[in-house]
Amino acid sequence: MITVLSGGTGTPKLLQGITHLIDPLNITVIVNTLENSYFSGVYVTADIDTVMYTLAEIINDETWYGIADDTFITHETLNLIGCGELLKIGDQDRAIKIQKTLLLKNNPLSKVVDIQRNNLGIKSKIIPMSDQKSHININTNVGDLDFHQFLIELRGEPEVLSVDYNQVEPAPGVIESIENSDMVIIGPSNPVTSVGPIISMQNVRNVLKKSYVVGVSPIIGDKPVSGPADKFMHALGYDVSSCGVANMYQNFLDKFFIDLDDIVYEEEIEKLISEVVVTNTNMKNIEDKMMLARNILGEFL
């Protein structure tokens, strides 16, 4: 059994490689919920939906958000009648979000996600990190912002001074999945706002320390592969590099994969993590994704 800790961009790419190599029934994905919020009356779980659509093989892999070849008639009509949306939500995507919103009236998020992944024919288990409401406050040079204000409305441009998020309890199955896994994979997602909220929950670090944990750096050189991880890491006082990520994960990581461009950090990271693997982590196509997945899974194949 493999458990993957995931955000919404880098790790789903890796999941595409993993699902080509092992039975999806043997995969559990624990997904960040920090960015969940209501938009236009529907509940948006951006990272969860991206993971769901990836495993259902319907993801728009040009944007890593929404469904491939979706239409936007509702979104365009809302704009025409003066009810513009911060998020551009496709019609099929919106239907799934509407169902999620309705189901949440009588069910916890973990149950809703399980219903929807079954409806989409997904064999792997998907667990939101928590059934409780998560919230992030990003303190910037233009004031306090929530995640979507920062990333979408202001395009991630403000300087980040500090980051705070509330503590939530793990959803049912989170701790058990980690404990019962042969390997836990921390994917190349934002270590502050995607992975950080998961590992900060009660008892998660403790069970990670008792598990075999492999991580992939989301930073190549001094830049994240995607998203604003660099601004968040800098705000927390970490070097924006694979070495900085290693410092964040060192208490529980057994093996760490870094990119070929980061070989200069290998010796320094080996002081923090017992095994460091230097390979191509920049997943540009399915061959790259499968190669990285094969290197990570190793003896489990």
C-alpha atoms as a PDB file:
ATOM      1  CA  MET A   1       0.000   0.000   0.000  1.00  0.00           C
ATOM      2  CA  ILE A   2       1.285   3.452  -1.005  1.00  0.00           C
ATOM      3  CA  THR A   3       0.051   6.690   0.573  1.00  0.00           C
ATOM      4  CA  VAL A   4       0.724   9.992  -1.176  1.00  0.00           C
ATOM      5  CA  LEU A   5       0.481  13.438   0.439  1.00  0.00           C
ATOM      6  CA  SER A   6      -0.678  15.849  -2.233  1.00  0.00           C
ATOM      7  CA  GLY A   7      -1.392  19.422  -3.161  1.00  0.00           C
ATOM      8  CA  GLY A   8      -2.845  20.437  -6.490  1.00  0.00           C
ATOM      9  CA  THR A   9      -0.183  20.610  -9.207  1.00  0.00           C
ATOM     10  CA  GLY A  10       3.197  18.893  -8.842  1.00  0.00           C
ATOM     11  CA  THR A  11       1.999  15.794  -7.031  1.00  0.00           C
ATOM     12  CA  PRO A  12      -0.886  15.012  -9.445  1.00  0.00           C
ATOM     13  CA  LYS A  13       1.724  14.897 -12.224  1.00  0.00           C
ATOM     14  CA  LEU A  14       3.600  12.277 -10.222  1.00  0.00           C
ATOM     15  CA  LEU A  15       0.345  10.403  -9.612  1.00  0.00           C
ATOM     16  CA  GLN A  16      -0.039  10.018 -13.369  1.00  0.00           C
ATOM     17  CA  GLY A  17       3.280   8.176 -13.399  1.00  0.00           C
ATOM     18  CA  ILE A  18       2.523   6.088 -10.311  1.00  0.00           C
ATOM     19  CA  THR A  19      -0.852   4.882 -11.620  1.00  0.00           C
ATOM     20  CA  HIS A  20       0.848   3.598 -14.774  1.00  0.00           C
ATOM     21  CA  LEU A  21       3.041   1.333 -12.662  1.00  0.00           C
ATOM     22  CA  ILE A  22       0.993  -0.038  -9.754  1.00  0.00           C
ATOM     23  CA  ASP A  23      -2.592  -1.084  -9.168  1.00  0.00           C
ATOM     24  CA  PRO A  24      -4.671   2.030  -8.324  1.00  0.00           C
ATOM     25  CA  LEU A  25      -6.370  -0.017  -5.592  1.00  0.00           C
ATOM     26  CA  ASN A  26      -3.063   0.073  -3.702  1.00  0.00           C
ATOM     27  CA  ILE A  27      -2.893   3.888  -3.693  1.00  0.00           C
ATOM     28  CA  THR A  28      -4.312   6.290  -1.104  1.00  0.00           C
ATOM     29  CA  VAL A  29      -3.990  10.038  -1.607  1.00  0.00           C
ATOM     30  CA  ILE A  30      -4.297  12.427   1.340  1.00  0.00           C
ATOM     31  CA  VAL A  31      -5.056  15.891  -0.036  1.00  0.00           C
ATOM     32  CA  ASN A  32      -4.611  19.405   1.295  1.00  0.00           C
ATOM     33  CA  THR A  33      -7.828  21.305   2.117  1.00  0.00           C
ATOM     34  CA  LEU A  34      -6.347  24.676   3.062  1.00  0.00           C
ATOM     35  CA  GLU A  35      -7.598  26.378  -0.100  1.00  0.00           C
ATOM     36  CA  ASN A  36     -11.207  25.167   0.138  1.00  0.00           C
ATOM     37  CA  SER A  37     -13.803  27.927  -0.051  1.00  0.00           C
ATOM     38  CA  TYR A  38     -17.153  28.974  -1.561  1.00  0.00           C
ATOM     39  CA  PHE A  39     -17.283  30.704  -4.952  1.00  0.00           C
ATOM     40  CA  SER A  40     -20.504  31.627  -6.763  1.00  0.00           C
ATOM     41  CA  GLY A  41     -22.456  29.553  -4.271  1.00  0.00           C
ATOM     42  CA  VAL A  42     -20.533  26.315  -4.793  1.00  0.00           C
ATOM     43  CA  TYR A  43     -17.915  24.728  -2.571  1.00  0.00           C
ATOM     44  CA  VAL A  44     -14.554  24.609  -4.304  1.00  0.00           C
ATOM     45  CA  THR A  45     -11.975  22.058  -3.174  1.00  0.00           C
ATOM     46  CA  ALA A  46      -9.297  22.904  -5.707  1.00  0.00           C
ATOM     47  CA  ASP A  47      -6.607  20.392  -4.727  1.00  0.00           C
ATOM     48  CA  ILE A  48      -9.054  17.548  -4.098  1.00  0.00           C
ATOM     49  CA  ASP A  49     -10.762  18.098  -7.442  1.00  0.00           C
ATOM     50  CA  THR A  50      -7.441  18.208  -9.278  1.00  0.00           C
ATOM     51  CA  VAL A  51      -6.451  14.893  -7.702  1.00  0.00           C
ATOM     52  CA  MET A  52      -9.876  13.399  -8.509  1.00  0.00           C
ATOM     53  CA  TYR A  53      -9.799  14.544 -12.112  1.00  0.00           C
ATOM     54  CA  THR A  54      -6.218  13.308 -12.493  1.00  0.00           C
ATOM     55  CA  LEU A  55      -7.080   9.830 -11.223  1.00  0.00           C
ATOM     56  CA  ALA A  56     -10.245   9.816 -13.365  1.00  0.00           C
ATOM     57  CA  GLU A  57      -8.069  10.755 -16.369  1.00  0.00           C
ATOM     58  CA  ILE A  58     -10.150  13.837 -17.193  1.00  0.00           C
ATOM     59  CA  ILE A  59      -7.862  16.564 -15.827  1.00  0.00           C
ATOM     60  CA  ASN A  60      -7.071  19.634 -17.907  1.00  0.00           C
ATOM     61  CA  ASP A  61      -3.329  19.086 -17.803  1.00  0.00           C
ATOM     62  CA  GLU A  62      -2.584  22.397 -19.462  1.00  0.00           C
ATOM     63  CA  THR A  63      -3.840  24.363 -16.451  1.00  0.00           C
ATOM     64  CA  TRP A  64      -3.937  21.595 -13.792  1.00  0.00           C
ATOM     65  CA  TYR A  65      -7.330  22.896 -12.802  1.00  0.00           C
ATOM     66  CA  GLY A  66     -10.717  21.733 -14.056  1.00  0.00           C
ATOM     67  CA  ILE A  67     -11.758  19.190 -16.667  1.00  0.00           C
ATOM     68  CA  ALA A  68     -10.254  18.765 -20.136  1.00  0.00           C
ATOM     69  CA  ASP A  69     -12.343  20.160 -23.013  1.00  0.00           C
ATOM     70  CA  ASP A  70     -14.882  21.654 -20.607  1.00  0.00           C
ATOM     71  CA  THR A  71     -17.179  24.457 -21.724  1.00  0.00           C
ATOM     72  CA  PHE A  72     -17.679  27.748 -19.877  1.00  0.00           C
ATOM     73  CA  ILE A  73     -21.213  28.795 -20.829  1.00  0.00           C
ATOM     74  CA  THR A  74     -22.304  29.444 -17.234  1.00  0.00           C
ATOM     75  CA  HIS A  75     -19.147  31.385 -16.436  1.00  0.00           C
ATOM     76  CA  GLU A  76     -19.519  33.547 -19.557  1.00  0.00           C
ATOM     77  CA  THR A  77     -23.214  34.161 -18.863  1.00  0.00           C
ATOM     78  CA  LEU A  78     -22.465  35.237 -15.297  1.00  0.00           C
ATOM     79  CA  ASN A  79     -19.977  37.747 -16.659  1.00  0.00           C
ATOM     80  CA  LEU A  80     -22.542  39.054 -19.181  1.00  0.00           C
ATOM     81  CA  ILE A  81     -25.147  39.697 -16.492  1.00  0.00           C
ATOM     82  CA  GLY A  82     -22.687  41.495 -14.226  1.00  0.00           C
ATOM     83  CA  CYS A  83     -21.944  38.633 -11.846  1.00  0.00           C
ATOM     84  CA  GLY A  84     -18.270  38.012 -12.581  1.00  0.00           C
ATOM     85  CA  GLU A  85     -16.396  35.159 -10.921  1.00  0.00           C
ATOM     86  CA  LEU A  86     -12.958  35.223  -9.327  1.00  0.00           C
ATOM     87  CA  LEU A  87     -12.505  31.635 -10.477  1.00  0.00           C
ATOM     88  CA  LYS A  88     -13.174  30.514 -14.041  1.00  0.00           C
ATOM     89  CA  ILE A  89     -15.242  27.373 -13.422  1.00  0.00           C
ATOM     90  CA  GLY A  90     -16.145  25.078 -16.311  1.00  0.00           C
ATOM     91  CA  ASP A  91     -19.635  23.655 -16.760  1.00  0.00           C
ATOM     92  CA  GLN A  92     -18.823  19.989 -16.063  1.00  0.00           C
ATOM     93  CA  ASP A  93     -16.531  21.018 -13.233  1.00  0.00           C
ATOM     94  CA  ARG A  94     -19.306  23.203 -11.805  1.00  0.00           C
ATOM     95  CA  ALA A  95     -21.758  20.275 -11.881  1.00  0.00           C
ATOM     96  CA  ILE A  96     -19.406  18.245  -9.698  1.00  0.00           C
ATOM     97  CA  LYS A  97     -18.947  21.205  -7.372  1.00  0.00           C
ATOM     98  CA  ILE A  98     -22.732  21.673  -7.137  1.00  0.00           C
ATOM     99  CA  GLN A  99     -23.150  18.036  -6.165  1.00  0.00           C
ATOM    100  CA  LYS A 100     -20.392  18.412  -3.577  1.00  0.00           C
ATOM    101  CA  THR A 101     -22.091  21.501  -2.117  1.00  0.00           C
ATOM    102  CA  LEU A 102     -25.425  19.697  -1.840  1.00  0.00           C
ATOM    103  CA  LEU A 103     -23.910  16.556  -0.328  1.00  0.00           C
ATOM    104  CA  LEU A 104     -22.070  18.615   2.289  1.00  0.00           C
ATOM    105  CA  LYS A 105     -25.397  19.610   3.837  1.00  0.00           C
ATOM    106  CA  ASN A 106     -25.718  16.134   5.347  1.00  0.00           C
ATOM    107  CA  ASN A 107     -22.238  14.590   5.081  1.00  0.00           C
ATOM    108  CA  PRO A 108     -18.660  15.344   6.152  1.00  0.00           C
ATOM    109  CA  LEU A 109     -16.226  16.238   3.375  1.00  0.00           C
ATOM    110  CA  SER A 110     -14.444  12.867   3.574  1.00  0.00           C
ATOM    111  CA  LYS A 111     -17.725  11.051   2.869  1.00  0.00           C
ATOM    112  CA  VAL A 112     -18.579  13.435   0.024  1.00  0.00           C
ATOM    113  CA  VAL A 113     -15.179  12.906  -1.621  1.00  0.00           C
ATOM    114  CA  ASP A 114     -15.618   9.137  -1.320  1.00  0.00           C
ATOM    115  CA  ILE A 115     -19.031   9.350  -3.014  1.00  0.00           C
ATOM    116  CA  GLN A 116     -17.664  11.470  -5.845  1.00  0.00           C
ATOM    117  CA  ARG A 117     -14.541   9.424  -6.493  1.00  0.00           C
ATOM    118  CA  ASN A 118     -16.771   6.310  -6.737  1.00  0.00           C
ATOM    119  CA  ASN A 119     -19.089   8.167  -9.134  1.00  0.00           C
ATOM    120  CA  LEU A 120     -16.060   8.968 -11.309  1.00  0.00           C
ATOM    121  CA  GLY A 121     -14.879   5.354 -11.308  1.00  0.00           C
ATOM    122  CA  ILE A 122     -11.719   6.066  -9.324  1.00  0.00           C
ATOM    123  CA  LYS A 123     -10.266   2.952  -7.684  1.00  0.00           C
ATOM    124  CA  SER A 124      -7.702   4.736  -5.510  1.00  0.00           C
ATOM    125  CA  LYS A 125      -8.792   6.119  -2.172  1.00  0.00           C
ATOM    126  CA  ILE A 126      -8.839   9.922  -1.793  1.00  0.00           C
ATOM    127  CA  ILE A 127      -8.966  11.402   1.705  1.00  0.00           C
ATOM    128  CA  PRO A 128      -9.211  15.136   2.427  1.00  0.00           C
ATOM    129  CA  MET A 129      -6.727  15.956   5.181  1.00  0.00           C
ATOM    130  CA  SER A 130      -9.556  17.156   7.451  1.00  0.00           C
ATOM    131  CA  ASP A 131     -13.327  17.414   7.658  1.00  0.00           C
ATOM    132  CA  GLN A 132     -12.914  20.679   9.557  1.00  0.00           C
ATOM    133  CA  LYS A 133     -12.705  24.076   7.906  1.00  0.00           C
ATOM    134  CA  SER A 134      -9.150  25.140   7.150  1.00  0.00           C
ATOM    135  CA  HIS A 135      -8.143  28.765   6.811  1.00  0.00           C
ATOM    136  CA  ILE A 136      -4.926  30.507   5.884  1.00  0.00           C
ATOM    137  CA  ASN A 137      -3.919  34.094   6.556  1.00  0.00           C
ATOM    138  CA  ILE A 138      -1.159  35.480   4.369  1.00  0.00           C
ATOM    139  CA  ASN A 139       0.358  38.636   5.816  1.00  0.00           C
ATOM    140  CA  THR A 140       1.772  40.720   2.968  1.00  0.00           C
ATOM    141  CA  ASN A 141       3.060  44.204   2.258  1.00  0.00           C
ATOM    142  CA  VAL A 142      -0.483  45.109   1.114  1.00  0.00           C
ATOM    143  CA  GLY A 143      -2.238  43.632   4.156  1.00  0.00           C
ATOM    144  CA  ASP A 144      -3.706  40.306   5.245  1.00  0.00           C
ATOM    145  CA  LEU A 145      -5.004  38.119   2.417  1.00  0.00           C
ATOM    146  CA  ASP A 146      -6.606  34.715   2.046  1.00  0.00           C
ATOM    147  CA  PHE A 147      -5.103  32.269  -0.424  1.00  0.00           C
ATOM    148  CA  HIS A 148      -7.283  33.079  -3.428  1.00  0.00           C
ATOM    149  CA  GLN A 149      -6.966  36.823  -2.953  1.00  0.00           C
ATOM    150  CA  PHE A 150      -3.202  36.420  -2.982  1.00  0.00           C
ATOM    151  CA  LEU A 151      -2.862  33.883  -5.779  1.00  0.00           C
ATOM    152  CA  ILE A 152      -5.691  34.775  -8.180  1.00  0.00           C
ATOM    153  CA  GLU A 153      -6.849  38.318  -7.520  1.00  0.00           C
ATOM    154  CA  LEU A 154      -3.332  39.701  -6.964  1.00  0.00           C
ATOM    155  CA  ARG A 155      -1.545  37.020  -9.041  1.00  0.00           C
ATOM    156  CA  GLY A 156       0.858  36.147  -6.235  1.00  0.00           C
ATOM    157  CA  GLU A 157       2.643  39.477  -6.622  1.00  0.00           C
ATOM    158  CA  PRO A 158       2.638  40.890  -3.035  1.00  0.00           C
ATOM    159  CA  GLU A 159       5.621  40.301  -0.782  1.00  0.00           C
ATOM    160  CA  VAL A 160       4.793  37.629   1.804  1.00  0.00           C
ATOM    161  CA  LEU A 161       5.789  38.560   5.365  1.00  0.00           C
ATOM    162  CA  SER A 162       4.298  35.651   7.306  1.00  0.00           C
ATOM    163  CA  VAL A 163       1.889  32.744   6.916  1.00  0.00           C
ATOM    164  CA  ASP A 164      -0.533  31.394   9.516  1.00  0.00           C
ATOM    165  CA  TYR A 165      -3.195  28.689   9.286  1.00  0.00           C
ATOM    166  CA  ASN A 166      -5.546  27.215  11.826  1.00  0.00           C
ATOM    167  CA  GLN A 167      -4.999  23.764  13.285  1.00  0.00           C
ATOM    168  CA  VAL A 168      -7.511  21.108  12.267  1.00  0.00           C
ATOM    169  CA  GLU A 169      -7.970  17.447  13.150  1.00  0.00           C
ATOM    170  CA  PRO A 170      -7.164  14.697  10.636  1.00  0.00           C
ATOM    171  CA  ALA A 171     -10.119  13.244   8.764  1.00  0.00           C
ATOM    172  CA  PRO A 172     -11.026   9.605   9.414  1.00  0.00           C
ATOM    173  CA  GLY A 173      -8.498   7.341   7.721  1.00  0.00           C
ATOM    174  CA  VAL A 174      -5.594   9.803   7.520  1.00  0.00           C
ATOM    175  CA  ILE A 175      -3.553   8.401  10.415  1.00  0.00           C
ATOM    176  CA  GLU A 176      -4.496   4.804   9.641  1.00  0.00           C
ATOM    177  CA  SER A 177      -3.485   5.137   5.977  1.00  0.00           C
ATOM    178  CA  ILE A 178      -0.045   6.419   6.909  1.00  0.00           C
ATOM    179  CA  GLU A 179       0.428   3.772   9.597  1.00  0.00           C
ATOM    180  CA  ASN A 180      -0.577   0.914   7.274  1.00  0.00           C
ATOM    181  CA  SER A 181       1.466   2.014   4.249  1.00  0.00           C
ATOM    182  CA  ASP A 182       4.584   0.325   2.954  1.00  0.00           C
ATOM    183  CA  MET A 183       5.688   3.730   1.681  1.00  0.00           C
ATOM    184  CA  VAL A 184       4.524   7.299   2.174  1.00  0.00           C
ATOM    185  CA  ILE A 185       5.349   9.669  -0.681  1.00  0.00           C
ATOM    186  CA  ILE A 186       5.440  13.417  -0.124  1.00  0.00           C
ATOM    187  CA  GLY A 187       4.928  14.740  -3.622  1.00  0.00           C
ATOM    188  CA  PRO A 188       6.483  17.853  -5.161  1.00  0.00           C
ATOM    189  CA  SER A 189       3.782  20.194  -3.861  1.00  0.00           C
ATOM    190  CA  ASN A 190       4.184  23.519  -2.058  1.00  0.00           C
ATOM    191  CA  PRO A 191       5.889  22.573   1.240  1.00  0.00           C
ATOM    192  CA  VAL A 192       4.283  25.487   3.112  1.00  0.00           C
ATOM    193  CA  THR A 193       0.663  25.692   1.937  1.00  0.00           C
ATOM    194  CA  SER A 194       0.054  22.184   0.535  1.00  0.00           C
ATOM    195  CA  VAL A 195       2.172  19.712   2.507  1.00  0.00           C
ATOM    196  CA  GLY A 196       2.654  21.884   5.607  1.00  0.00           C
ATOM    197  CA  PRO A 197      -1.026  21.862   6.660  1.00  0.00           C
ATOM    198  CA  ILE A 198      -1.157  18.061   6.390  1.00  0.00           C
ATOM    199  CA  ILE A 199       1.953  17.331   8.436  1.00  0.00           C
ATOM    200  CA  SER A 200       1.072  19.958  11.046  1.00  0.00           C
ATOM    201  CA  MET A 201      -2.101  18.116  12.080  1.00  0.00           C
ATOM    202  CA  GLN A 202      -2.208  16.264  15.381  1.00  0.00           C
ATOM    203  CA  ASN A 203      -0.160  13.030  15.400  1.00  0.00           C
ATOM    204  CA  VAL A 204       0.706  13.132  11.683  1.00  0.00           C
ATOM    205  CA  ARG A 205       4.409  13.864  12.258  1.00  0.00           C
ATOM    206  CA  ASN A 206       4.567  11.108  14.861  1.00  0.00           C
ATOM    207  CA  VAL A 207       3.248   8.451  12.495  1.00  0.00           C
ATOM    208  CA  LEU A 208       5.440   9.747   9.662  1.00  0.00           C
ATOM    209  CA  LYS A 209       8.501   9.241  11.882  1.00  0.00           C
ATOM    210  CA  LYS A 210       7.493   5.586  12.283  1.00  0.00           C
ATOM    211  CA  SER A 211       6.873   5.105   8.539  1.00  0.00           C
ATOM    212  CA  TYR A 212       9.086   4.807   5.471  1.00  0.00           C
ATOM    213  CA  VAL A 213       8.777   8.264   3.921  1.00  0.00           C
ATOM    214  CA  VAL A 214      10.091   9.414   0.549  1.00  0.00           C
ATOM    215  CA  GLY A 215       9.935  13.028  -0.607  1.00  0.00           C
ATOM    216  CA  VAL A 216      10.378  14.863  -3.903  1.00  0.00           C
ATOM    217  CA  SER A 217      11.612  18.449  -3.921  1.00  0.00           C
ATOM    218  CA  PRO A 218       9.253  20.942  -5.598  1.00  0.00           C
ATOM    219  CA  ILE A 219      12.168  23.357  -6.002  1.00  0.00           C
ATOM    220  CA  ILE A 220      14.714  23.182  -8.833  1.00  0.00           C
ATOM    221  CA  GLY A 221      17.608  25.593  -8.450  1.00  0.00           C
ATOM    222  CA  ASP A 222      16.156  28.586  -6.637  1.00  0.00           C
ATOM    223  CA  LYS A 223      12.673  28.434  -8.149  1.00  0.00           C
ATOM    224  CA  PRO A 224       9.565  26.302  -7.601  1.00  0.00           C
ATOM    225  CA  VAL A 225       8.467  24.203 -10.557  1.00  0.00           C
ATOM    226  CA  SER A 226       5.051  25.848 -10.195  1.00  0.00           C
ATOM    227  CA  GLY A 227       3.271  28.234  -7.863  1.00  0.00           C
ATOM    228  CA  PRO A 228       4.529  30.704  -5.239  1.00  0.00           C
ATOM    229  CA  ALA A 229       6.312  28.273  -2.895  1.00  0.00           C
ATOM    230  CA  ASP A 230       9.405  30.484  -2.984  1.00  0.00           C
ATOM    231  CA  LYS A 231       7.598  33.448  -1.407  1.00  0.00           C
ATOM    232  CA  PHE A 232       6.139  31.300   1.359  1.00  0.00           C
ATOM    233  CA  MET A 233       9.428  29.538   2.130  1.00  0.00           C
ATOM    234  CA  HIS A 234      11.271  32.846   2.253  1.00  0.00           C
ATOM    235  CA  ALA A 235       8.665  34.270   4.636  1.00  0.00           C
ATOM    236  CA  LEU A 236       9.213  31.337   7.019  1.00  0.00           C
ATOM    237  CA  GLY A 237      12.978  31.764   6.924  1.00  0.00           C
ATOM    238  CA  TYR A 238      13.862  28.785   4.732  1.00  0.00           C
ATOM    239  CA  ASP A 239      16.310  28.891   1.854  1.00  0.00           C
ATOM    240  CA  VAL A 240      14.452  28.636  -1.458  1.00  0.00           C
ATOM    241  CA  SER A 241      16.165  25.469  -2.639  1.00  0.00           C
ATOM    242  CA  SER A 242      15.917  21.709  -2.344  1.00  0.00           C
ATOM    243  CA  CYS A 243      18.131  22.121   0.732  1.00  0.00           C
ATOM    244  CA  GLY A 244      15.513  24.414   2.264  1.00  0.00           C
ATOM    245  CA  VAL A 245      12.816  21.799   1.633  1.00  0.00           C
ATOM    246  CA  ALA A 246      15.058  19.131   3.188  1.00  0.00           C
ATOM    247  CA  ASN A 247      15.290  21.260   6.325  1.00  0.00           C
ATOM    248  CA  MET A 248      11.496  21.374   6.517  1.00  0.00           C
ATOM    249  CA  TYR A 249      11.139  17.578   6.162  1.00  0.00           C
ATOM    250  CA  GLN A 250      14.292  16.297   7.875  1.00  0.00           C
ATOM    251  CA  ASN A 251      12.583  14.992  11.044  1.00  0.00           C
ATOM    252  CA  PHE A 252      10.690  12.255   9.226  1.00  0.00           C
ATOM    253  CA  LEU A 253      12.123  11.810   5.713  1.00  0.00           C
ATOM    254  CA  ASP A 254      14.055   8.610   4.873  1.00  0.00           C
ATOM    255  CA  LYS A 255      14.821   9.359   1.225  1.00  0.00           C
ATOM    256  CA  PHE A 256      14.774  12.611  -0.739  1.00  0.00           C
ATOM    257  CA  PHE A 257      14.705  13.043  -4.514  1.00  0.00           C
ATOM    258  CA  ILE A 258      16.273  16.202  -5.929  1.00  0.00           C
ATOM    259  CA  ASP A 259      16.783  17.360  -9.490  1.00  0.00           C
ATOM    260  CA  LEU A 260      19.972  16.941 -11.526  1.00  0.00           C
ATOM    261  CA  ASP A 261      20.419  20.721 -11.400  1.00  0.00           C
ATOM    262  CA  ASP A 262      20.622  20.501  -7.595  1.00  0.00           C
ATOM    263  CA  ILE A 263      23.524  18.088  -7.334  1.00  0.00           C
ATOM    264  CA  VAL A 264      25.473  20.912  -5.657  1.00  0.00           C
ATOM    265  CA  TYR A 265      23.222  20.464  -2.617  1.00  0.00           C
ATOM    266  CA  GLU A 266      23.640  16.690  -2.379  1.00  0.00           C
ATOM    267  CA  GLU A 267      26.325  16.598   0.318  1.00  0.00           C
ATOM    268  CA  GLU A 268      24.607  19.260   2.411  1.00  0.00           C
ATOM    269  CA  ILE A 269      21.244  17.461   2.248  1.00  0.00           C
ATOM    270  CA  GLU A 270      22.907  14.142   3.181  1.00  0.00           C
ATOM    271  CA  LYS A 271      23.692  15.699   6.566  1.00  0.00           C
ATOM    272  CA  LEU A 272      19.930  16.041   7.111  1.00  0.00           C
ATOM    273  CA  ILE A 273      18.453  13.008   5.326  1.00  0.00           C
ATOM    274  CA  SER A 274      20.071   9.585   5.172  1.00  0.00           C
ATOM    275  CA  GLU A 275      19.511   8.906   1.475  1.00  0.00           C
ATOM    276  CA  VAL A 276      19.498  11.467  -1.336  1.00  0.00           C
ATOM    277  CA  VAL A 277      18.773  10.570  -4.965  1.00  0.00           C
ATOM    278  CA  VAL A 278      19.726  12.949  -7.770  1.00  0.00           C
ATOM    279  CA  THR A 279      17.568  12.490 -10.866  1.00  0.00           C
ATOM    280  CA  ASN A 280      15.294  14.342 -13.269  1.00  0.00           C
ATOM    281  CA  THR A 281      12.311  15.633 -11.261  1.00  0.00           C
ATOM    282  CA  ASN A 282      11.007  18.053 -13.909  1.00  0.00           C
ATOM    283  CA  MET A 283       7.994  16.144 -15.244  1.00  0.00           C
ATOM    284  CA  LYS A 284       7.336  17.517 -18.719  1.00  0.00           C
ATOM    285  CA  ASN A 285       5.706  14.428 -20.240  1.00  0.00           C
ATOM    286  CA  ILE A 286       4.373  10.999 -19.280  1.00  0.00           C
ATOM    287  CA  GLU A 287       7.792   9.414 -19.809  1.00  0.00           C
ATOM    288  CA  ASP A 288       9.312  11.785 -17.222  1.00  0.00           C
ATOM    289  CA  LYS A 289       6.471  11.063 -14.805  1.00  0.00           C
ATOM    290  CA  MET A 290       6.816   7.292 -15.150  1.00  0.00           C
ATOM    291  CA  MET A 291      10.602   7.417 -14.827  1.00  0.00           C
ATOM    292  CA  LEU A 292      10.432   9.430 -11.605  1.00  0.00           C
ATOM    293  CA  ALA A 293       7.662   7.192 -10.253  1.00  0.00           C
ATOM    294  CA  ARG A 294       9.705   4.087 -11.102  1.00  0.00           C
ATOM    295  CA  ASN A 295      12.746   5.488  -9.283  1.00  0.00           C
ATOM    296  CA  ILE A 296      10.641   6.318  -6.228  1.00  0.00           C
ATOM    297  CA  LEU A 297       8.740   3.019  -6.042  1.00  0.00           C
ATOM    298  CA  GLY A 298      11.868   0.929  -6.663  1.00  0.00           C
ATOM    299  CA  GLU A 299      11.593  -2.400  -4.835  1.00  0.00           C
ATOM    300  CA  PHE A 300       7.806  -2.011  -4.473  1.00  0.00           C
ATOM    301  CA  LEU A 301       7.309  -2.642  -8.196  1.00  0.00           C
END
